[in-house]
């Protein structure tokens, strides 16, 4: 009877150690995920700011460019760059600016 209760206590002790190890792994993973989420949030914030700046620059460049310059520039762009502009000008704006960044 004693050996049976001792082995039962041993099983409980092992189960407790397994549970502690799993909690430790879970806590570590949650910490790592939270840390990565913070990094990604910061990158998203920076990219949104950069995108906004590029859209303003692009708008200004379009305003300052003559119709002939715009036509000449757009004729140099590949078709896949021009198609998104028809669907959503916001998507095409940063792409167009990158071609004219030497200005």
PDB file of N, CA and C in Angstrom:
ATOM      1  N   UNK A   1       0.828  -1.194   0.000  1.00  0.00           N
ATOM      2  CA  UNK A   1       0.000   0.000   0.000  1.00  0.00           C
ATOM      3  C   UNK A   1       0.875   1.261   0.000  1.00  0.00           C
ATOM      4  N   UNK A   2       1.971   1.242   0.758  1.00  0.00           N
ATOM      5  CA  UNK A   2       2.863   2.393   0.806  1.00  0.00           C
ATOM      6  C   UNK A   2       3.493   2.683  -0.542  1.00  0.00           C
ATOM      7  N   UNK A   3       3.945   1.650  -1.248  1.00  0.00           N
ATOM      8  CA  UNK A   3       4.609   1.860  -2.536  1.00  0.00           C
ATOM      9  C   UNK A   3       3.640   2.428  -3.564  1.00  0.00           C
ATOM     10  N   UNK A   4       2.384   2.017  -3.466  1.00  0.00           N
ATOM     11  CA  UNK A   4       1.374   2.533  -4.388  1.00  0.00           C
ATOM     12  C   UNK A   4       1.133   4.005  -4.150  1.00  0.00           C
ATOM     13  N   UNK A   5       1.050   4.446  -2.906  1.00  0.00           N
ATOM     14  CA  UNK A   5       0.825   5.865  -2.620  1.00  0.00           C
ATOM     15  C   UNK A   5       2.087   6.670  -2.933  1.00  0.00           C
ATOM     16  N   UNK A   6       3.265   6.059  -2.749  1.00  0.00           N
ATOM     17  CA  UNK A   6       4.511   6.748  -3.080  1.00  0.00           C
ATOM     18  C   UNK A   6       4.617   6.956  -4.584  1.00  0.00           C
ATOM     19  N   UNK A   7       4.243   5.940  -5.369  1.00  0.00           N
ATOM     20  CA  UNK A   7       4.297   6.099  -6.814  1.00  0.00           C
ATOM     21  C   UNK A   7       3.232   7.087  -7.279  1.00  0.00           C
ATOM     22  N   UNK A   8       2.099   7.130  -6.620  1.00  0.00           N
ATOM     23  CA  UNK A   8       1.055   8.113  -6.936  1.00  0.00           C
ATOM     24  C   UNK A   8       1.551   9.528  -6.674  1.00  0.00           C
ATOM     25  N   UNK A   9       2.272   9.696  -5.569  1.00  0.00           N
ATOM     26  CA  UNK A   9       2.828  11.017  -5.250  1.00  0.00           C
ATOM     27  C   UNK A   9       3.892  11.393  -6.264  1.00  0.00           C
ATOM     28  N   UNK A  10       4.639  10.396  -6.717  1.00  0.00           N
ATOM     29  CA  UNK A  10       5.683  10.633  -7.721  1.00  0.00           C
ATOM     30  C   UNK A  10       5.056  11.099  -9.044  1.00  0.00           C
ATOM     31  N   UNK A  11       3.933  10.455  -9.429  1.00  0.00           N
ATOM     32  CA  UNK A  11       3.228  10.841 -10.656  1.00  0.00           C
ATOM     33  C   UNK A  11       2.715  12.276 -10.533  1.00  0.00           C
ATOM     34  N   UNK A  12       2.171  12.614  -9.367  1.00  0.00           N
ATOM     35  CA  UNK A  12       1.662  13.976  -9.145  1.00  0.00           C
ATOM     36  C   UNK A  12       2.819  14.976  -9.228  1.00  0.00           C
ATOM     37  N   UNK A  13       3.964  14.621  -8.637  1.00  0.00           N
ATOM     38  CA  UNK A  13       5.130  15.512  -8.670  1.00  0.00           C
ATOM     39  C   UNK A  13       5.607  15.718 -10.104  1.00  0.00           C
ATOM     40  N   UNK A  14       5.640  14.639 -10.879  1.00  0.00           N
ATOM     41  CA  UNK A  14       6.047  14.735 -12.290  1.00  0.00           C
ATOM     42  C   UNK A  14       5.048  15.599 -13.064  1.00  0.00           C
ATOM     43  N   UNK A  15       3.753  15.367 -12.829  1.00  0.00           N
ATOM     44  CA  UNK A  15       2.724  16.179 -13.498  1.00  0.00           C
ATOM     45  C   UNK A  15       2.895  17.657 -13.156  1.00  0.00           C
ATOM     46  N   UNK A  16       3.201  17.938 -11.876  1.00  0.00           N
ATOM     47  CA  UNK A  16       3.409  19.334 -11.470  1.00  0.00           C
ATOM     48  C   UNK A  16       4.616  19.953 -12.180  1.00  0.00           C
ATOM     49  N   UNK A  17       5.694  19.181 -12.290  1.00  0.00           N
ATOM     50  CA  UNK A  17       6.899  19.682 -12.973  1.00  0.00           C
ATOM     51  C   UNK A  17       6.607  19.927 -14.454  1.00  0.00           C
ATOM     52  N   UNK A  18       5.867  19.029 -15.069  1.00  0.00           N
ATOM     53  CA  UNK A  18       5.488  19.208 -16.488  1.00  0.00           C
ATOM     54  C   UNK A  18       4.643  20.465 -16.639  1.00  0.00           C
ATOM     55  N   UNK A  19       3.689  20.643 -15.739  1.00  0.00           N
ATOM     56  CA  UNK A  19       2.822  21.824 -15.799  1.00  0.00           C
ATOM     57  C   UNK A  19       3.641  23.102 -15.611  1.00  0.00           C
ATOM     58  N   UNK A  20       4.596  23.078 -14.692  1.00  0.00           N
ATOM     59  CA  UNK A  20       5.450  24.247 -14.483  1.00  0.00           C
ATOM     60  C   UNK A  20       6.289  24.548 -15.726  1.00  0.00           C
ATOM     61  N   UNK A  21       6.826  23.490 -16.325  1.00  0.00           N
ATOM     62  CA  UNK A  21       7.639  23.670 -17.536  1.00  0.00           C
ATOM     63  C   UNK A  21       6.789  24.241 -18.672  1.00  0.00           C
ATOM     64  N   UNK A  22       5.564  23.738 -18.810  1.00  0.00           N
ATOM     65  CA  UNK A  22       4.679  24.243 -19.866  1.00  0.00           C
ATOM     66  C   UNK A  22       4.312  25.703 -19.596  1.00  0.00           C
ATOM     67  N   UNK A  23       4.074  26.063 -18.342  1.00  0.00           N
ATOM     68  CA  UNK A  23       3.782  27.454 -17.993  1.00  0.00           C
ATOM     69  C   UNK A  23       4.974  28.355 -18.323  1.00  0.00           C
ATOM     70  N   UNK A  24       6.169  27.864 -18.040  1.00  0.00           N
ATOM     71  CA  UNK A  24       7.378  28.626 -18.332  1.00  0.00           C
ATOM     72  C   UNK A  24       7.517  28.861 -19.839  1.00  0.00           C
ATOM     73  N   UNK A  25       7.293  27.811 -20.623  1.00  0.00           N
ATOM     74  CA  UNK A  25       7.359  27.930 -22.088  1.00  0.00           C
ATOM     75  C   UNK A  25       6.291  28.904 -22.581  1.00  0.00           C
ATOM     76  N   UNK A  26       5.078  28.766 -22.058  1.00  0.00           N
ATOM     77  CA  UNK A  26       3.979  29.653 -22.464  1.00  0.00           C
ATOM     78  C   UNK A  26       4.311  31.108 -22.143  1.00  0.00           C
ATOM     79  N   UNK A  27       4.820  31.353 -20.932  1.00  0.00           N
ATOM     80  CA  UNK A  27       5.182  32.714 -20.539  1.00  0.00           C
ATOM     81  C   UNK A  27       6.283  33.281 -21.429  1.00  0.00           C
ATOM     82  N   UNK A  28       7.261  32.444 -21.737  1.00  0.00           N
ATOM     83  CA  UNK A  28       8.361  32.879 -22.608  1.00  0.00           C
ATOM     84  C   UNK A  28       7.839  33.228 -23.998  1.00  0.00           C
ATOM     85  N   UNK A  29       6.986  32.375 -24.544  1.00  0.00           N
ATOM     86  CA  UNK A  29       6.422  32.627 -25.872  1.00  0.00           C
ATOM     87  C   UNK A  29       5.562  33.891 -25.881  1.00  0.00           C
ATOM     88  N   UNK A  30       4.759  34.066 -24.861  1.00  0.00           N
ATOM     89  CA  UNK A  30       3.909  35.253 -24.786  1.00  0.00           C
ATOM     90  C   UNK A  30       4.760  36.520 -24.703  1.00  0.00           C
ATOM     91  N   UNK A  31       5.831  36.475 -23.945  1.00  0.00           N
ATOM     92  CA  UNK A  31       6.731  37.621 -23.844  1.00  0.00           C
ATOM     93  C   UNK A  31       7.363  37.919 -25.205  1.00  0.00           C
ATOM     94  N   UNK A  32       7.833  36.863 -25.877  1.00  0.00           N
ATOM     95  CA  UNK A  32       8.467  37.041 -27.185  1.00  0.00           C
ATOM     96  C   UNK A  32       7.474  37.601 -28.201  1.00  0.00           C
ATOM     97  N   UNK A  33       6.249  37.116 -28.174  1.00  0.00           N
ATOM     98  CA  UNK A  33       5.219  37.596 -29.105  1.00  0.00           C
ATOM     99  C   UNK A  33       4.891  39.059 -28.814  1.00  0.00           C
ATOM    100  N   UNK A  34       4.732  39.406 -27.546  1.00  0.00           N
ATOM    101  CA  UNK A  34       4.436  40.808 -27.193  1.00  0.00           C
ATOM    102  C   UNK A  34       5.556  41.734 -27.659  1.00  0.00           C
ATOM    103  N   UNK A  35       6.791  41.282 -27.462  1.00  0.00           N
ATOM    104  CA  UNK A  35       7.946  42.071 -27.881  1.00  0.00           C
ATOM    105  C   UNK A  35       7.924  42.272 -29.404  1.00  0.00           C
ATOM    106  N   UNK A  36       7.657  41.215 -30.138  1.00  0.00           N
ATOM    107  CA  UNK A  36       7.600  41.295 -31.606  1.00  0.00           C
ATOM    108  C   UNK A  36       6.447  42.195 -32.058  1.00  0.00           C
ATOM    109  N   UNK A  37       5.316  42.118 -31.372  1.00  0.00           N
ATOM    110  CA  UNK A  37       4.167  42.969 -31.720  1.00  0.00           C
ATOM    111  C   UNK A  37       4.546  44.437 -31.545  1.00  0.00           C
ATOM    112  N   UNK A  38       5.254  44.761 -30.479  1.00  0.00           N
ATOM    113  CA  UNK A  38       5.669  46.157 -30.259  1.00  0.00           C
ATOM    114  C   UNK A  38       6.594  46.628 -31.377  1.00  0.00           C
ATOM    115  N   UNK A  39       7.535  45.779 -31.775  1.00  0.00           N
ATOM    116  CA  UNK A  39       8.449  46.133 -32.868  1.00  0.00           C
ATOM    117  C   UNK A  39       7.652  46.361 -34.153  1.00  0.00           C
ATOM    118  N   UNK A  40       6.714  45.469 -34.441  1.00  0.00           N
ATOM    119  CA  UNK A  40       5.917  45.589 -35.662  1.00  0.00           C
ATOM    120  C   UNK A  40       5.024  46.827 -35.627  1.00  0.00           C
ATOM    121  N   UNK A  41       4.454  47.142 -34.460  1.00  0.00           N
ATOM    122  CA  UNK A  41       3.630  48.359 -34.336  1.00  0.00           C
ATOM    123  C   UNK A  41       4.465  49.590 -34.658  1.00  0.00           C
ATOM    124  N   UNK A  42       5.697  49.628 -34.158  1.00  0.00           N
ATOM    125  CA  UNK A  42       6.580  50.764 -34.416  1.00  0.00           C
ATOM    126  C   UNK A  42       6.922  50.848 -35.905  1.00  0.00           C
ATOM    127  N   UNK A  43       7.187  49.694 -36.530  1.00  0.00           N
ATOM    128  CA  UNK A  43       7.488  49.690 -37.966  1.00  0.00           C
ATOM    129  C   UNK A  43       6.280  50.159 -38.772  1.00  0.00           C
ATOM    130  N   UNK A  44       5.095  49.731 -38.388  1.00  0.00           N
ATOM    131  CA  UNK A  44       3.867  50.157 -39.080  1.00  0.00           C
ATOM    132  C   UNK A  44       3.717  51.671 -38.953  1.00  0.00           C
ATOM    133  N   UNK A  45       3.935  52.188 -37.750  1.00  0.00           N
ATOM    134  CA  UNK A  45       3.826  53.636 -37.528  1.00  0.00           C
ATOM    135  C   UNK A  45       4.799  54.396 -38.424  1.00  0.00           C
ATOM    136  N   UNK A  46       6.058  53.929 -38.474  1.00  0.00           N
ATOM    137  CA  UNK A  46       7.067  54.583 -39.302  1.00  0.00           C
ATOM    138  C   UNK A  46       6.698  54.505 -40.786  1.00  0.00           C
ATOM    139  N   UNK A  47       6.209  53.343 -41.224  1.00  0.00           N
ATOM    140  CA  UNK A  47       5.835  53.183 -42.631  1.00  0.00           C
ATOM    141  C   UNK A  47       4.640  54.057 -42.995  1.00  0.00           C
ATOM    142  N   UNK A  48       3.677  54.178 -42.084  1.00  0.00           N
ATOM    143  CA  UNK A  48       2.532  55.056 -42.350  1.00  0.00           C
ATOM    144  C   UNK A  48       2.983  56.507 -42.476  1.00  0.00           C
ATOM    145  N   UNK A  49       3.894  56.926 -41.608  1.00  0.00           N
ATOM    146  CA  UNK A  49       4.407  58.294 -41.683  1.00  0.00           C
ATOM    147  C   UNK A  49       5.166  58.519 -42.982  1.00  0.00           C
ATOM    148  N   UNK A  50       5.997  57.541 -43.361  1.00  0.00           N
ATOM    149  CA  UNK A  50       6.774  57.659 -44.605  1.00  0.00           C
ATOM    150  C   UNK A  50       5.839  57.677 -45.815  1.00  0.00           C
ATOM    151  N   UNK A  51       4.832  56.822 -45.786  1.00  0.00           N
ATOM    152  CA  UNK A  51       3.860  56.771 -46.880  1.00  0.00           C
ATOM    153  C   UNK A  51       3.144  58.107 -47.017  1.00  0.00           C
ATOM    154  N   UNK A  52       2.748  58.676 -45.897  1.00  0.00           N
ATOM    155  CA  UNK A  52       2.066  59.964 -45.907  1.00  0.00           C
ATOM    156  C   UNK A  52       2.978  61.047 -46.489  1.00  0.00           C
ATOM    157  N   UNK A  53       4.231  61.045 -46.075  1.00  0.00           N
ATOM    158  CA  UNK A  53       5.193  62.019 -46.593  1.00  0.00           C
ATOM    159  C   UNK A  53       5.378  61.840 -48.100  1.00  0.00           C
ATOM    160  N   UNK A  54       5.514  60.597 -48.550  1.00  0.00           N
ATOM    161  CA  UNK A  54       5.700  60.342 -49.981  1.00  0.00           C
ATOM    162  C   UNK A  54       4.468  60.745 -50.780  1.00  0.00           C
ATOM    163  N   UNK A  55       3.282  60.539 -50.221  1.00  0.00           N
ATOM    164  CA  UNK A  55       2.060  60.962 -50.914  1.00  0.00           C
ATOM    165  C   UNK A  55       2.017  62.482 -51.050  1.00  0.00           C
ATOM    166  N   UNK A  56       2.432  63.188 -49.991  1.00  0.00           N
ATOM    167  CA  UNK A  56       2.460  64.659 -50.080  1.00  0.00           C
ATOM    168  C   UNK A  56       3.480  65.110 -51.118  1.00  0.00           C
ATOM    169  N   UNK A  57       4.666  64.509 -51.112  1.00  0.00           N
ATOM    170  CA  UNK A  57       5.696  64.858 -52.093  1.00  0.00           C
ATOM    171  C   UNK A  57       5.204  64.566 -53.508  1.00  0.00           C
ATOM    172  N   UNK A  58       4.579  63.412 -53.674  1.00  0.00           N
ATOM    173  CA  UNK A  58       4.078  63.025 -54.989  1.00  0.00           C
ATOM    174  C   UNK A  58       3.025  64.012 -55.475  1.00  0.00           C
ATOM    175  N   UNK A  59       2.143  64.395 -54.587  1.00  0.00           N
ATOM    176  CA  UNK A  59       1.104  65.352 -54.942  1.00  0.00           C
ATOM    177  C   UNK A  59       1.723  66.692 -55.352  1.00  0.00           C
ATOM    178  N   UNK A  60       2.716  67.135 -54.592  1.00  0.00           N
ATOM    179  CA  UNK A  60       3.397  68.385 -54.911  1.00  0.00           C
ATOM    180  C   UNK A  60       4.095  68.293 -56.268  1.00  0.00           C
ATOM    181  N   UNK A  61       4.789  67.188 -56.500  1.00  0.00           N
ATOM    182  CA  UNK A  61       5.492  67.018 -57.777  1.00  0.00           C
ATOM    183  C   UNK A  61       4.514  66.998 -58.947  1.00  0.00           C
ATOM    184  N   UNK A  62       3.374  66.340 -58.750  1.00  0.00           N
ATOM    185  CA  UNK A  62       2.360  66.319 -59.813  1.00  0.00           C
ATOM    186  C   UNK A  62       1.829  67.719 -60.075  1.00  0.00           C
ATOM    187  N   UNK A  63       1.675  68.503 -59.001  1.00  0.00           N
ATOM    188  CA  UNK A  63       1.174  69.873 -59.139  1.00  0.00           C
ATOM    189  C   UNK A  63       2.175  70.741 -59.899  1.00  0.00           C
ATOM    190  N   UNK A  64       3.458  70.545 -59.602  1.00  0.00           N
ATOM    191  CA  UNK A  64       4.494  71.381 -60.208  1.00  0.00           C
ATOM    192  C   UNK A  64       4.870  70.934 -61.623  1.00  0.00           C
ATOM    193  N   UNK A  65       4.609  69.683 -61.949  1.00  0.00           N
ATOM    194  CA  UNK A  65       4.998  69.163 -63.265  1.00  0.00           C
ATOM    195  C   UNK A  65       4.038  69.665 -64.335  1.00  0.00           C
ATOM    196  N   UNK A  66       4.587  69.874 -65.506  1.00  0.00           N
ATOM    197  CA  UNK A  66       3.746  70.265 -66.638  1.00  0.00           C
ATOM    198  C   UNK A  66       3.038  69.025 -67.178  1.00  0.00           C
ATOM    199  N   UNK A  67       1.934  69.202 -67.890  1.00  0.00           N
ATOM    200  CA  UNK A  67       1.257  68.042 -68.478  1.00  0.00           C
ATOM    201  C   UNK A  67       2.182  67.213 -69.373  1.00  0.00           C
ATOM    202  N   UNK A  68       3.094  67.895 -70.076  1.00  0.00           N
ATOM    203  CA  UNK A  68       4.037  67.172 -70.952  1.00  0.00           C
ATOM    204  C   UNK A  68       4.986  66.302 -70.122  1.00  0.00           C
ATOM    205  N   UNK A  69       5.462  66.849 -68.997  1.00  0.00           N
ATOM    206  CA  UNK A  69       6.358  66.078 -68.132  1.00  0.00           C
ATOM    207  C   UNK A  69       5.632  64.866 -67.556  1.00  0.00           C
ATOM    208  N   UNK A  70       4.384  65.069 -67.125  1.00  0.00           N
ATOM    209  CA  UNK A  70       3.609  63.952 -66.574  1.00  0.00           C
ATOM    210  C   UNK A  70       3.399  62.875 -67.622  1.00  0.00           C
ATOM    211  N   UNK A  71       3.055  63.294 -68.821  1.00  0.00           N
ATOM    212  CA  UNK A  71       2.813  62.319 -69.898  1.00  0.00           C
ATOM    213  C   UNK A  71       4.093  61.559 -70.224  1.00  0.00           C
ATOM    214  N   UNK A  72       5.208  62.278 -70.298  1.00  0.00           N
ATOM    215  CA  UNK A  72       6.499  61.641 -70.588  1.00  0.00           C
ATOM    216  C   UNK A  72       6.872  60.642 -69.487  1.00  0.00           C
ATOM    217  N   UNK A  73       6.663  61.053 -68.238  1.00  0.00           N
ATOM    218  CA  UNK A  73       6.987  60.182 -67.115  1.00  0.00           C
ATOM    219  C   UNK A  73       6.114  58.930 -67.121  1.00  0.00           C
ATOM    220  N   UNK A  74       4.800  59.103 -67.316  1.00  0.00           N
ATOM    221  CA  UNK A  74       3.886  57.963 -67.289  1.00  0.00           C
ATOM    222  C   UNK A  74       4.134  57.012 -68.447  1.00  0.00           C
ATOM    223  N   UNK A  75       4.636  57.533 -69.582  1.00  0.00           N
ATOM    224  CA  UNK A  75       4.920  56.649 -70.721  1.00  0.00           C
ATOM    225  C   UNK A  75       6.103  55.733 -70.423  1.00  0.00           C
ATOM    226  N   UNK A  76       6.948  56.112 -69.464  1.00  0.00           N
ATOM    227  CA  UNK A  76       8.110  55.279 -69.094  1.00  0.00           C
ATOM    228  C   UNK A  76       7.758  54.198 -68.085  1.00  0.00           C
ATOM    229  N   UNK A  77       6.611  54.353 -67.400  1.00  0.00           N
ATOM    230  CA  UNK A  77       6.240  53.391 -66.362  1.00  0.00           C
ATOM    231  C   UNK A  77       5.743  52.084 -66.984  1.00  0.00           C
ATOM    232  N   UNK A  78       6.099  50.934 -66.379  1.00  0.00           N
ATOM    233  CA  UNK A  78       5.545  49.663 -66.866  1.00  0.00           C
ATOM    234  C   UNK A  78       4.040  49.595 -66.628  1.00  0.00           C
ATOM    235  N   UNK A  79       3.360  48.787 -67.401  1.00  0.00           N
ATOM    236  CA  UNK A  79       1.891  48.692 -67.342  1.00  0.00           C
ATOM    237  C   UNK A  79       1.402  48.302 -65.949  1.00  0.00           C
ATOM    238  N   UNK A  80       2.119  47.433 -65.227  1.00  0.00           N
ATOM    239  CA  UNK A  80       1.650  46.987 -63.909  1.00  0.00           C
ATOM    240  C   UNK A  80       1.670  48.120 -62.886  1.00  0.00           C
ATOM    241  N   UNK A  81       2.432  49.174 -63.134  1.00  0.00           N
ATOM    242  CA  UNK A  81       2.428  50.322 -62.231  1.00  0.00           C
ATOM    243  C   UNK A  81       1.237  51.216 -62.551  1.00  0.00           C
ATOM    244  N   UNK A  82       0.888  51.330 -63.815  1.00  0.00           N
ATOM    245  CA  UNK A  82      -0.214  52.198 -64.208  1.00  0.00           C
ATOM    246  C   UNK A  82      -1.575  51.613 -63.858  1.00  0.00           C
ATOM    247  N   UNK A  83      -1.729  50.312 -63.917  1.00  0.00           N
ATOM    248  CA  UNK A  83      -3.026  49.679 -63.639  1.00  0.00           C
ATOM    249  C   UNK A  83      -3.514  49.950 -62.215  1.00  0.00           C
ATOM    250  N   UNK A  84      -2.687  49.786 -61.181  1.00  0.00           N
ATOM    251  CA  UNK A  84      -3.183  50.055 -59.830  1.00  0.00           C
ATOM    252  C   UNK A  84      -3.619  51.507 -59.654  1.00  0.00           C
ATOM    253  N   UNK A  85      -3.025  52.444 -60.406  1.00  0.00           N
ATOM    254  CA  UNK A  85      -3.395  53.848 -60.276  1.00  0.00           C
ATOM    255  C   UNK A  85      -4.858  54.055 -60.654  1.00  0.00           C
ATOM    256  N   UNK A  86      -5.316  53.316 -61.656  1.00  0.00           N
ATOM    257  CA  UNK A  86      -6.710  53.444 -62.075  1.00  0.00           C
ATOM    258  C   UNK A  86      -7.649  52.917 -60.987  1.00  0.00           C
ATOM    259  N   UNK A  87      -7.217  51.873 -60.280  1.00  0.00           N
ATOM    260  CA  UNK A  87      -8.059  51.288 -59.244  1.00  0.00           C
ATOM    261  C   UNK A  87      -7.971  52.079 -57.943  1.00  0.00           C
ATOM    262  N   UNK A  88      -6.747  52.445 -57.543  1.00  0.00           N
ATOM    263  CA  UNK A  88      -6.554  53.135 -56.272  1.00  0.00           C
ATOM    264  C   UNK A  88      -5.340  54.046 -56.353  1.00  0.00           C
ATOM    265  N   UNK A  89      -5.536  55.349 -56.496  1.00  0.00           N
ATOM    266  CA  UNK A  89      -4.400  56.267 -56.597  1.00  0.00           C
ATOM    267  C   UNK A  89      -3.482  56.219 -55.385  1.00  0.00           C
ATOM    268  N   UNK A  90      -4.005  55.874 -54.210  1.00  0.00           N
ATOM    269  CA  UNK A  90      -3.177  55.831 -53.000  1.00  0.00           C
ATOM    270  C   UNK A  90      -2.090  54.779 -53.114  1.00  0.00           C
ATOM    271  N   UNK A  91      -2.383  53.661 -53.771  1.00  0.00           N
ATOM    272  CA  UNK A  91      -1.402  52.590 -53.906  1.00  0.00           C
ATOM    273  C   UNK A  91      -0.300  53.007 -54.868  1.00  0.00           C
ATOM    274  N   UNK A  92      -0.669  53.672 -55.954  1.00  0.00           N
ATOM    275  CA  UNK A  92       0.292  54.015 -56.985  1.00  0.00           C
ATOM    276  C   UNK A  92       1.156  55.208 -56.607  1.00  0.00           C
ATOM    277  N   UNK A  93       0.685  56.075 -55.712  1.00  0.00           N
ATOM    278  CA  UNK A  93       1.396  57.307 -55.416  1.00  0.00           C
ATOM    279  C   UNK A  93       2.849  57.087 -54.983  1.00  0.00           C
ATOM    280  N   UNK A  94       3.138  56.236 -53.975  1.00  0.00           N
ATOM    281  CA  UNK A  94       4.537  56.065 -53.583  1.00  0.00           C
ATOM    282  C   UNK A  94       5.369  55.432 -54.688  1.00  0.00           C
ATOM    283  N   UNK A  95       4.757  54.555 -55.482  1.00  0.00           N
ATOM    284  CA  UNK A  95       5.490  53.893 -56.554  1.00  0.00           C
ATOM    285  C   UNK A  95       5.923  54.913 -57.588  1.00  0.00           C
ATOM    286  N   UNK A  96       5.016  55.835 -57.943  1.00  0.00           N
ATOM    287  CA  UNK A  96       5.342  56.839 -58.932  1.00  0.00           C
ATOM    288  C   UNK A  96       6.429  57.764 -58.419  1.00  0.00           C
ATOM    289  N   UNK A  97       6.393  58.091 -57.127  1.00  0.00           N
ATOM    290  CA  UNK A  97       7.377  59.001 -56.575  1.00  0.00           C
ATOM    291  C   UNK A  97       8.778  58.415 -56.660  1.00  0.00           C
ATOM    292  N   UNK A  98       8.912  57.116 -56.456  1.00  0.00           N
ATOM    293  CA  UNK A  98      10.240  56.516 -56.434  1.00  0.00           C
ATOM    294  C   UNK A  98      10.943  56.695 -57.776  1.00  0.00           C
ATOM    295  N   UNK A  99      10.190  56.750 -58.852  1.00  0.00           N
ATOM    296  CA  UNK A  99      10.803  56.955 -60.168  1.00  0.00           C
ATOM    297  C   UNK A  99      11.272  58.383 -60.337  1.00  0.00           C
ATOM    298  N   UNK A 100      10.634  59.325 -59.655  1.00  0.00           N
ATOM    299  CA  UNK A 100      11.000  60.726 -59.823  1.00  0.00           C
ATOM    300  C   UNK A 100      11.793  61.274 -58.645  1.00  0.00           C
ATOM    301  N   UNK A 101      12.424  60.424 -57.874  1.00  0.00           N
ATOM    302  CA  UNK A 101      13.091  60.865 -56.662  1.00  0.00           C
ATOM    303  C   UNK A 101      14.362  61.647 -56.953  1.00  0.00           C
ATOM    304  N   UNK A 102      14.847  61.633 -58.193  1.00  0.00           N
ATOM    305  CA  UNK A 102      16.056  62.366 -58.527  1.00  0.00           C
ATOM    306  C   UNK A 102      15.794  63.861 -58.641  1.00  0.00           C
ATOM    307  N   UNK A 103      14.520  64.264 -58.620  1.00  0.00           N
ATOM    308  CA  UNK A 103      14.162  65.681 -58.776  1.00  0.00           C
ATOM    309  C   UNK A 103      14.549  66.455 -57.540  1.00  0.00           C
TER     310      UNK A 103
END
